[in-house]
Amino acid sequence: MAAIGVLTMELRIETAHSLKDKRHVVKSLKEKLRNRHNISIAEVDYQDQWQHALLAAVTVSSSRQFAEQVLQAVEAEAYGLVGEMLTSVNLEWVD
């Protein structure tokens, strides 16, 4: 059975003064994470708020252990890229 993991990451972007500023941060983060970890990632909430974003990263694997390693690496890299802007993280499994 395939393992499907969903990592949601909430960001508080204090330096953004417009939606354009926010999009720059979010787009850059999404591209870096997608390219380095072969995941699907999208902004799933707060699109109209310029200092708040909710991203969801998804991976599918035949091994739950491998999927968990991938999503832990995504979380670590996201924190390395945006630091304290990453305010909360949640990992869920789709059955």
PDB file of N, CA and C in Angstrom:
ATOM      1  N   MET A   1       0.834  -1.184   0.000  1.00  0.00           N
ATOM      2  CA  MET A   1       0.000   0.000   0.000  1.00  0.00           C
ATOM      3  C   MET A   1       0.879   1.247   0.000  1.00  0.00           C
ATOM      4  N   ALA A   2       0.504   2.233  -0.771  1.00  0.00           N
ATOM      5  CA  ALA A   2       1.267   3.471  -0.863  1.00  0.00           C
ATOM      6  C   ALA A   2       1.115   4.302   0.406  1.00  0.00           C
ATOM      7  N   ALA A   3       2.178   4.980   0.764  1.00  0.00           N
ATOM      8  CA  ALA A   3       2.159   5.915   1.890  1.00  0.00           C
ATOM      9  C   ALA A   3       2.085   7.325   1.323  1.00  0.00           C
ATOM     10  N   ILE A   4       1.085   8.083   1.767  1.00  0.00           N
ATOM     11  CA  ILE A   4       0.899   9.457   1.313  1.00  0.00           C
ATOM     12  C   ILE A   4       1.001  10.361   2.531  1.00  0.00           C
ATOM     13  N   GLY A   5       2.017  11.205   2.550  1.00  0.00           N
ATOM     14  CA  GLY A   5       2.231  12.113   3.665  1.00  0.00           C
ATOM     15  C   GLY A   5       1.981  13.555   3.243  1.00  0.00           C
ATOM     16  N   VAL A   6       1.310  14.290   4.127  1.00  0.00           N
ATOM     17  CA  VAL A   6       1.017  15.702   3.877  1.00  0.00           C
ATOM     18  C   VAL A   6       1.615  16.521   5.014  1.00  0.00           C
ATOM     19  N   LEU A   7       2.539  17.394   4.680  1.00  0.00           N
ATOM     20  CA  LEU A   7       3.181  18.274   5.645  1.00  0.00           C
ATOM     21  C   LEU A   7       2.643  19.679   5.438  1.00  0.00           C
ATOM     22  N   THR A   8       1.935  20.213   6.432  1.00  0.00           N
ATOM     23  CA  THR A   8       1.462  21.590   6.330  1.00  0.00           C
ATOM     24  C   THR A   8       2.397  22.484   7.138  1.00  0.00           C
ATOM     25  N   MET A   9       2.712  23.629   6.548  1.00  0.00           N
ATOM     26  CA  MET A   9       3.644  24.570   7.167  1.00  0.00           C
ATOM     27  C   MET A   9       3.015  25.959   7.161  1.00  0.00           C
ATOM     28  N   GLU A  10       2.892  26.535   8.337  1.00  0.00           N
ATOM     29  CA  GLU A  10       2.334  27.869   8.459  1.00  0.00           C
ATOM     30  C   GLU A  10       3.471  28.881   8.580  1.00  0.00           C
ATOM     31  N   LEU A  11       3.367  29.946   7.804  1.00  0.00           N
ATOM     32  CA  LEU A  11       4.390  30.985   7.793  1.00  0.00           C
ATOM     33  C   LEU A  11       3.794  32.313   8.233  1.00  0.00           C
ATOM     34  N   ARG A  12       4.561  33.055   8.991  1.00  0.00           N
ATOM     35  CA  ARG A  12       4.226  34.440   9.352  1.00  0.00           C
ATOM     36  C   ARG A  12       5.353  35.294   8.790  1.00  0.00           C
ATOM     37  N   ILE A  13       5.044  36.076   7.760  1.00  0.00           N
ATOM     38  CA  ILE A  13       6.055  36.813   7.009  1.00  0.00           C
ATOM     39  C   ILE A  13       5.993  38.282   7.423  1.00  0.00           C
ATOM     40  N   GLU A  14       6.654  38.611   8.511  1.00  0.00           N
ATOM     41  CA  GLU A  14       6.620  39.970   9.073  1.00  0.00           C
ATOM     42  C   GLU A  14       7.219  41.003   8.134  1.00  0.00           C
ATOM     43  N   THR A  15       8.143  40.604   7.281  1.00  0.00           N
ATOM     44  CA  THR A  15       8.827  41.553   6.395  1.00  0.00           C
ATOM     45  C   THR A  15       7.993  41.915   5.173  1.00  0.00           C
ATOM     46  N   ALA A  16       6.899  41.196   4.937  1.00  0.00           N
ATOM     47  CA  ALA A  16       6.058  41.486   3.772  1.00  0.00           C
ATOM     48  C   ALA A  16       5.185  42.707   4.045  1.00  0.00           C
ATOM     49  N   HIS A  17       5.189  43.621   3.089  1.00  0.00           N
ATOM     50  CA  HIS A  17       4.369  44.824   3.192  1.00  0.00           C
ATOM     51  C   HIS A  17       3.299  44.865   2.109  1.00  0.00           C
ATOM     52  N   SER A  18       3.232  43.782   1.317  1.00  0.00           N
ATOM     53  CA  SER A  18       2.232  43.679   0.258  1.00  0.00           C
ATOM     54  C   SER A  18       2.117  42.208  -0.141  1.00  0.00           C
ATOM     55  N   LEU A  19       1.085  41.902  -0.929  1.00  0.00           N
ATOM     56  CA  LEU A  19       0.958  40.538  -1.445  1.00  0.00           C
ATOM     57  C   LEU A  19       2.131  40.197  -2.360  1.00  0.00           C
ATOM     58  N   LYS A  20       2.665  41.199  -3.053  1.00  0.00           N
ATOM     59  CA  LYS A  20       3.821  40.958  -3.923  1.00  0.00           C
ATOM     60  C   LYS A  20       5.028  40.511  -3.101  1.00  0.00           C
ATOM     61  N   ASP A  21       5.268  41.147  -1.962  1.00  0.00           N
ATOM     62  CA  ASP A  21       6.365  40.737  -1.078  1.00  0.00           C
ATOM     63  C   ASP A  21       6.156  39.309  -0.594  1.00  0.00           C
ATOM     64  N   LYS A  22       4.928  39.001  -0.202  1.00  0.00           N
ATOM     65  CA  LYS A  22       4.616  37.657   0.283  1.00  0.00           C
ATOM     66  C   LYS A  22       4.828  36.627  -0.823  1.00  0.00           C
ATOM     67  N   ARG A  23       4.315  36.913  -2.021  1.00  0.00           N
ATOM     68  CA  ARG A  23       4.456  35.969  -3.136  1.00  0.00           C
ATOM     69  C   ARG A  23       5.914  35.681  -3.443  1.00  0.00           C
ATOM     70  N   HIS A  24       6.767  36.686  -3.316  1.00  0.00           N
ATOM     71  CA  HIS A  24       8.198  36.485  -3.569  1.00  0.00           C
ATOM     72  C   HIS A  24       8.774  35.442  -2.602  1.00  0.00           C
ATOM     73  N   VAL A  25       8.452  35.558  -1.319  1.00  0.00           N
ATOM     74  CA  VAL A  25       8.944  34.614  -0.313  1.00  0.00           C
ATOM     75  C   VAL A  25       8.368  33.228  -0.558  1.00  0.00           C
ATOM     76  N   VAL A  26       7.052  33.155  -0.742  1.00  0.00           N
ATOM     77  CA  VAL A  26       6.369  31.865  -0.895  1.00  0.00           C
ATOM     78  C   VAL A  26       6.816  31.159  -2.172  1.00  0.00           C
ATOM     79  N   LYS A  27       6.878  31.874  -3.281  1.00  0.00           N
ATOM     80  CA  LYS A  27       7.280  31.263  -4.549  1.00  0.00           C
ATOM     81  C   LYS A  27       8.703  30.729  -4.476  1.00  0.00           C
ATOM     82  N   SER A  28       9.598  31.502  -3.911  1.00  0.00           N
ATOM     83  CA  SER A  28      10.985  31.075  -3.783  1.00  0.00           C
ATOM     84  C   SER A  28      11.097  29.812  -2.933  1.00  0.00           C
ATOM     85  N   LEU A  29      10.396  29.796  -1.797  1.00  0.00           N
ATOM     86  CA  LEU A  29      10.423  28.626  -0.913  1.00  0.00           C
ATOM     87  C   LEU A  29       9.857  27.403  -1.620  1.00  0.00           C
ATOM     88  N   LYS A  30       8.719  27.556  -2.275  1.00  0.00           N
ATOM     89  CA  LYS A  30       8.100  26.425  -2.973  1.00  0.00           C
ATOM     90  C   LYS A  30       9.032  25.856  -4.039  1.00  0.00           C
ATOM     91  N   GLU A  31       9.637  26.723  -4.837  1.00  0.00           N
ATOM     92  CA  GLU A  31      10.518  26.250  -5.905  1.00  0.00           C
ATOM     93  C   GLU A  31      11.724  25.500  -5.358  1.00  0.00           C
ATOM     94  N   LYS A  32      12.344  26.036  -4.319  1.00  0.00           N
ATOM     95  CA  LYS A  32      13.520  25.373  -3.742  1.00  0.00           C
ATOM     96  C   LYS A  32      13.161  24.010  -3.159  1.00  0.00           C
ATOM     97  N   LEU A  33      12.063  23.940  -2.421  1.00  0.00           N
ATOM     98  CA  LEU A  33      11.665  22.669  -1.815  1.00  0.00           C
ATOM     99  C   LEU A  33      11.253  21.649  -2.880  1.00  0.00           C
ATOM    100  N   ARG A  34      10.512  22.087  -3.888  1.00  0.00           N
ATOM    101  CA  ARG A  34      10.063  21.186  -4.956  1.00  0.00           C
ATOM    102  C   ARG A  34      11.265  20.611  -5.708  1.00  0.00           C
ATOM    103  N   ASN A  35      12.212  21.462  -6.029  1.00  0.00           N
ATOM    104  CA  ASN A  35      13.363  21.011  -6.813  1.00  0.00           C
ATOM    105  C   ASN A  35      14.307  20.106  -6.024  1.00  0.00           C
ATOM    106  N   ARG A  36      14.466  20.348  -4.740  1.00  0.00           N
ATOM    107  CA  ARG A  36      15.429  19.578  -3.949  1.00  0.00           C
ATOM    108  C   ARG A  36      14.862  18.284  -3.398  1.00  0.00           C
ATOM    109  N   HIS A  37      13.543  18.188  -3.262  1.00  0.00           N
ATOM    110  CA  HIS A  37      12.964  17.020  -2.582  1.00  0.00           C
ATOM    111  C   HIS A  37      11.938  16.264  -3.411  1.00  0.00           C
ATOM    112  N   ASN A  38      11.693  16.659  -4.636  1.00  0.00           N
ATOM    113  CA  ASN A  38      10.756  15.964  -5.519  1.00  0.00           C
ATOM    114  C   ASN A  38       9.393  15.765  -4.846  1.00  0.00           C
ATOM    115  N   ILE A  39       8.820  16.871  -4.386  1.00  0.00           N
ATOM    116  CA  ILE A  39       7.520  16.851  -3.725  1.00  0.00           C
ATOM    117  C   ILE A  39       6.550  17.724  -4.518  1.00  0.00           C
ATOM    118  N   SER A  40       5.287  17.592  -4.203  1.00  0.00           N
ATOM    119  CA  SER A  40       4.289  18.542  -4.679  1.00  0.00           C
ATOM    120  C   SER A  40       4.041  19.511  -3.541  1.00  0.00           C
ATOM    121  N   ILE A  41       3.943  20.799  -3.855  1.00  0.00           N
ATOM    122  CA  ILE A  41       3.748  21.800  -2.814  1.00  0.00           C
ATOM    123  C   ILE A  41       2.880  22.921  -3.362  1.00  0.00           C
ATOM    124  N   ALA A  42       1.983  23.412  -2.507  1.00  0.00           N
ATOM    125  CA  ALA A  42       1.083  24.492  -2.913  1.00  0.00           C
ATOM    126  C   ALA A  42       0.723  25.347  -1.709  1.00  0.00           C
ATOM    127  N   GLU A  43       0.393  26.600  -1.986  1.00  0.00           N
ATOM    128  CA  GLU A  43      -0.171  27.461  -0.956  1.00  0.00           C
ATOM    129  C   GLU A  43      -1.652  27.120  -0.873  1.00  0.00           C
ATOM    130  N   VAL A  44      -2.124  26.710   0.295  1.00  0.00           N
ATOM    131  CA  VAL A  44      -3.487  26.192   0.417  1.00  0.00           C
ATOM    132  C   VAL A  44      -4.426  27.076   1.226  1.00  0.00           C
ATOM    133  N   ASP A  45      -3.924  28.137   1.847  1.00  0.00           N
ATOM    134  CA  ASP A  45      -4.794  29.025   2.597  1.00  0.00           C
ATOM    135  C   ASP A  45      -4.111  30.378   2.792  1.00  0.00           C
ATOM    136  N   TYR A  46      -4.904  31.357   3.160  1.00  0.00           N
ATOM    137  CA  TYR A  46      -4.460  32.727   3.447  1.00  0.00           C
ATOM    138  C   TYR A  46      -3.895  33.434   2.221  1.00  0.00           C
ATOM    139  N   GLN A  47      -4.362  33.082   1.024  1.00  0.00           N
ATOM    140  CA  GLN A  47      -3.832  33.694  -0.188  1.00  0.00           C
ATOM    141  C   GLN A  47      -4.032  35.208  -0.229  1.00  0.00           C
ATOM    142  N   ASP A  48      -5.057  35.711   0.456  1.00  0.00           N
ATOM    143  CA  ASP A  48      -5.338  37.143   0.407  1.00  0.00           C
ATOM    144  C   ASP A  48      -4.756  37.919   1.589  1.00  0.00           C
ATOM    145  N   GLN A  49      -3.995  37.243   2.451  1.00  0.00           N
ATOM    146  CA  GLN A  49      -3.346  37.901   3.584  1.00  0.00           C
ATOM    147  C   GLN A  49      -1.860  38.056   3.284  1.00  0.00           C
ATOM    148  N   TRP A  50      -1.333  39.265   3.417  1.00  0.00           N
ATOM    149  CA  TRP A  50       0.027  39.512   2.956  1.00  0.00           C
ATOM    150  C   TRP A  50       1.124  39.164   3.951  1.00  0.00           C
ATOM    151  N   GLN A  51       0.796  38.772   5.176  1.00  0.00           N
ATOM    152  CA  GLN A  51       1.848  38.359   6.106  1.00  0.00           C
ATOM    153  C   GLN A  51       1.641  36.939   6.626  1.00  0.00           C
ATOM    154  N   HIS A  52       0.789  36.188   5.982  1.00  0.00           N
ATOM    155  CA  HIS A  52       0.441  34.862   6.480  1.00  0.00           C
ATOM    156  C   HIS A  52       0.307  33.910   5.295  1.00  0.00           C
ATOM    157  N   ALA A  53       0.845  32.697   5.418  1.00  0.00           N
ATOM    158  CA  ALA A  53       0.732  31.701   4.357  1.00  0.00           C
ATOM    159  C   ALA A  53       0.639  30.312   4.971  1.00  0.00           C
ATOM    160  N   LEU A  54      -0.088  29.437   4.307  1.00  0.00           N
ATOM    161  CA  LEU A  54      -0.153  28.036   4.701  1.00  0.00           C
ATOM    162  C   LEU A  54       0.197  27.210   3.474  1.00  0.00           C
ATOM    163  N   LEU A  55       1.277  26.452   3.573  1.00  0.00           N
ATOM    164  CA  LEU A  55       1.740  25.610   2.477  1.00  0.00           C
ATOM    165  C   LEU A  55       1.511  24.151   2.828  1.00  0.00           C
ATOM    166  N   ALA A  56       1.206  23.344   1.815  1.00  0.00           N
ATOM    167  CA  ALA A  56       1.087  21.899   1.998  1.00  0.00           C
ATOM    168  C   ALA A  56       2.046  21.213   1.035  1.00  0.00           C
ATOM    169  N   ALA A  57       2.900  20.363   1.585  1.00  0.00           N
ATOM    170  CA  ALA A  57       3.838  19.573   0.787  1.00  0.00           C
ATOM    171  C   ALA A  57       3.403  18.118   0.873  1.00  0.00           C
ATOM    172  N   VAL A  58       3.403  17.436  -0.261  1.00  0.00           N
ATOM    173  CA  VAL A  58       2.912  16.062  -0.320  1.00  0.00           C
ATOM    174  C   VAL A  58       3.944  15.178  -0.991  1.00  0.00           C
ATOM    175  N   THR A  59       4.094  13.974  -0.446  1.00  0.00           N
ATOM    176  CA  THR A  59       4.927  12.966  -1.092  1.00  0.00           C
ATOM    177  C   THR A  59       4.198  11.628  -1.047  1.00  0.00           C
ATOM    178  N   VAL A  60       4.488  10.805  -2.047  1.00  0.00           N
ATOM    179  CA  VAL A  60       3.907   9.464  -2.136  1.00  0.00           C
ATOM    180  C   VAL A  60       5.056   8.487  -2.296  1.00  0.00           C
ATOM    181  N   SER A  61       4.998   7.413  -1.525  1.00  0.00           N
ATOM    182  CA  SER A  61       6.069   6.417  -1.574  1.00  0.00           C
ATOM    183  C   SER A  61       5.489   5.044  -1.253  1.00  0.00           C
ATOM    184  N   SER A  62       6.203   4.023  -1.623  1.00  0.00           N
ATOM    185  CA  SER A  62       5.789   2.666  -1.245  1.00  0.00           C
ATOM    186  C   SER A  62       6.149   2.373   0.205  1.00  0.00           C
ATOM    187  N   SER A  63       6.995   3.228   0.793  1.00  0.00           N
ATOM    188  CA  SER A  63       7.446   3.046   2.168  1.00  0.00           C
ATOM    189  C   SER A  63       7.094   4.271   3.009  1.00  0.00           C
ATOM    190  N   ARG A  64       6.360   4.044   4.084  1.00  0.00           N
ATOM    191  CA  ARG A  64       6.026   5.162   4.974  1.00  0.00           C
ATOM    192  C   ARG A  64       7.291   5.748   5.600  1.00  0.00           C
ATOM    193  N   GLN A  65       8.245   4.897   5.911  1.00  0.00           N
ATOM    194  CA  GLN A  65       9.501   5.347   6.508  1.00  0.00           C
ATOM    195  C   GLN A  65      10.227   6.313   5.561  1.00  0.00           C
ATOM    196  N   PHE A  66      10.283   5.972   4.286  1.00  0.00           N
ATOM    197  CA  PHE A  66      10.944   6.854   3.316  1.00  0.00           C
ATOM    198  C   PHE A  66      10.181   8.166   3.162  1.00  0.00           C
ATOM    199  N   ALA A  67       8.860   8.086   3.078  1.00  0.00           N
ATOM    200  CA  ALA A  67       8.036   9.294   2.949  1.00  0.00           C
ATOM    201  C   ALA A  67       8.242  10.204   4.155  1.00  0.00           C
ATOM    202  N   GLU A  68       8.329   9.622   5.334  1.00  0.00           N
ATOM    203  CA  GLU A  68       8.548  10.409   6.541  1.00  0.00           C
ATOM    204  C   GLU A  68       9.924  11.084   6.514  1.00  0.00           C
ATOM    205  N   GLN A  69      10.932  10.376   6.036  1.00  0.00           N
ATOM    206  CA  GLN A  69      12.271  10.965   5.921  1.00  0.00           C
ATOM    207  C   GLN A  69      12.268  12.147   4.953  1.00  0.00           C
ATOM    208  N   VAL A  70      11.570  11.991   3.840  1.00  0.00           N
ATOM    209  CA  VAL A  70      11.486  13.073   2.852  1.00  0.00           C
ATOM    210  C   VAL A  70      10.833  14.303   3.479  1.00  0.00           C
ATOM    211  N   LEU A  71       9.706  14.111   4.164  1.00  0.00           N
ATOM    212  CA  LEU A  71       8.982  15.250   4.723  1.00  0.00           C
ATOM    213  C   LEU A  71       9.728  15.874   5.905  1.00  0.00           C
ATOM    214  N   GLN A  72      10.479  15.076   6.649  1.00  0.00           N
ATOM    215  CA  GLN A  72      11.313  15.653   7.708  1.00  0.00           C
ATOM    216  C   GLN A  72      12.422  16.514   7.103  1.00  0.00           C
ATOM    217  N   ALA A  73      12.971  16.064   5.985  1.00  0.00           N
ATOM    218  CA  ALA A  73      13.996  16.849   5.294  1.00  0.00           C
ATOM    219  C   ALA A  73      13.405  18.139   4.731  1.00  0.00           C
ATOM    220  N   VAL A  74      12.182  18.072   4.233  1.00  0.00           N
ATOM    221  CA  VAL A  74      11.495  19.265   3.732  1.00  0.00           C
ATOM    222  C   VAL A  74      11.310  20.266   4.870  1.00  0.00           C
ATOM    223  N   GLU A  75      10.847  19.790   6.016  1.00  0.00           N
ATOM    224  CA  GLU A  75      10.656  20.664   7.180  1.00  0.00           C
ATOM    225  C   GLU A  75      11.977  21.313   7.603  1.00  0.00           C
ATOM    226  N   ALA A  76      13.026  20.522   7.685  1.00  0.00           N
ATOM    227  CA  ALA A  76      14.330  21.046   8.097  1.00  0.00           C
ATOM    228  C   ALA A  76      14.839  22.087   7.103  1.00  0.00           C
ATOM    229  N   GLU A  77      14.694  21.810   5.823  1.00  0.00           N
ATOM    230  CA  GLU A  77      15.166  22.763   4.821  1.00  0.00           C
ATOM    231  C   GLU A  77      14.326  24.035   4.835  1.00  0.00           C
ATOM    232  N   ALA A  78      13.023  23.894   4.987  1.00  0.00           N
ATOM    233  CA  ALA A  78      12.147  25.074   5.059  1.00  0.00           C
ATOM    234  C   ALA A  78      12.567  25.956   6.227  1.00  0.00           C
ATOM    235  N   TYR A  79      12.826  25.345   7.360  1.00  0.00           N
ATOM    236  CA  TYR A  79      13.267  26.129   8.519  1.00  0.00           C
ATOM    237  C   TYR A  79      14.612  26.791   8.234  1.00  0.00           C
ATOM    238  N   GLY A  80      15.496  26.066   7.573  1.00  0.00           N
ATOM    239  CA  GLY A  80      16.794  26.642   7.216  1.00  0.00           C
ATOM    240  C   GLY A  80      16.675  27.828   6.271  1.00  0.00           C
ATOM    241  N   LEU A  81      15.662  27.804   5.409  1.00  0.00           N
ATOM    242  CA  LEU A  81      15.482  28.879   4.432  1.00  0.00           C
ATOM    243  C   LEU A  81      14.741  30.085   4.997  1.00  0.00           C
ATOM    244  N   VAL A  82      13.724  29.843   5.831  1.00  0.00           N
ATOM    245  CA  VAL A  82      12.900  30.968   6.310  1.00  0.00           C
ATOM    246  C   VAL A  82      13.000  31.199   7.813  1.00  0.00           C
ATOM    247  N   GLY A  83      13.637  30.304   8.537  1.00  0.00           N
ATOM    248  CA  GLY A  83      13.862  30.486   9.967  1.00  0.00           C
ATOM    249  C   GLY A  83      12.592  30.640  10.767  1.00  0.00           C
ATOM    250  N   GLU A  84      12.548  31.682  11.578  1.00  0.00           N
ATOM    251  CA  GLU A  84      11.431  31.901  12.509  1.00  0.00           C
ATOM    252  C   GLU A  84      10.125  32.251  11.810  1.00  0.00           C
ATOM    253  N   MET A  85      10.164  32.494  10.503  1.00  0.00           N
ATOM    254  CA  MET A  85       8.911  32.720   9.774  1.00  0.00           C
ATOM    255  C   MET A  85       8.047  31.459   9.787  1.00  0.00           C
ATOM    256  N   LEU A  86       8.674  30.308   9.940  1.00  0.00           N
ATOM    257  CA  LEU A  86       7.954  29.036  10.003  1.00  0.00           C
ATOM    258  C   LEU A  86       7.401  28.879  11.414  1.00  0.00           C
ATOM    259  N   THR A  87       6.097  29.122  11.574  1.00  0.00           N
ATOM    260  CA  THR A  87       5.509  29.179  12.915  1.00  0.00           C
ATOM    261  C   THR A  87       4.895  27.870  13.385  1.00  0.00           C
ATOM    262  N   SER A  88       4.442  27.029  12.456  1.00  0.00           N
ATOM    263  CA  SER A  88       3.929  25.723  12.875  1.00  0.00           C
ATOM    264  C   SER A  88       3.999  24.736  11.725  1.00  0.00           C
ATOM    265  N   VAL A  89       4.091  23.464  12.101  1.00  0.00           N
ATOM    266  CA  VAL A  89       4.216  22.374  11.139  1.00  0.00           C
ATOM    267  C   VAL A  89       3.348  21.221  11.620  1.00  0.00           C
ATOM    268  N   ASN A  90       2.693  20.556  10.675  1.00  0.00           N
ATOM    269  CA  ASN A  90       1.865  19.402  11.019  1.00  0.00           C
ATOM    270  C   ASN A  90       2.035  18.335   9.948  1.00  0.00           C
ATOM    271  N   LEU A  91       2.239  17.104  10.358  1.00  0.00           N
ATOM    272  CA  LEU A  91       2.386  15.980   9.433  1.00  0.00           C
ATOM    273  C   LEU A  91       1.180  15.061   9.577  1.00  0.00           C
ATOM    274  N   GLU A  92       0.533  14.755   8.451  1.00  0.00           N
ATOM    275  CA  GLU A  92      -0.623  13.858   8.441  1.00  0.00           C
ATOM    276  C   GLU A  92      -0.401  12.774   7.409  1.00  0.00           C
ATOM    277  N   TRP A  93      -1.056  11.636   7.617  1.00  0.00           N
ATOM    278  CA  TRP A  93      -0.974  10.519   6.685  1.00  0.00           C
ATOM    279  C   TRP A  93      -2.360  10.258   6.106  1.00  0.00           C
ATOM    280  N   VAL A  94      -2.408  10.053   4.800  1.00  0.00           N
ATOM    281  CA  VAL A  94      -3.657   9.746   4.116  1.00  0.00           C
ATOM    282  C   VAL A  94      -3.744   8.244   3.980  1.00  0.00           C
ATOM    283  N   ASP A  95      -4.833   7.689   4.437  1.00  0.00           N
ATOM    284  CA  ASP A  95      -5.016   6.229   4.363  1.00  0.00           C
ATOM    285  C   ASP A  95      -5.875   5.846   3.171  1.00  0.00           C
TER     286      ASP A  95
END
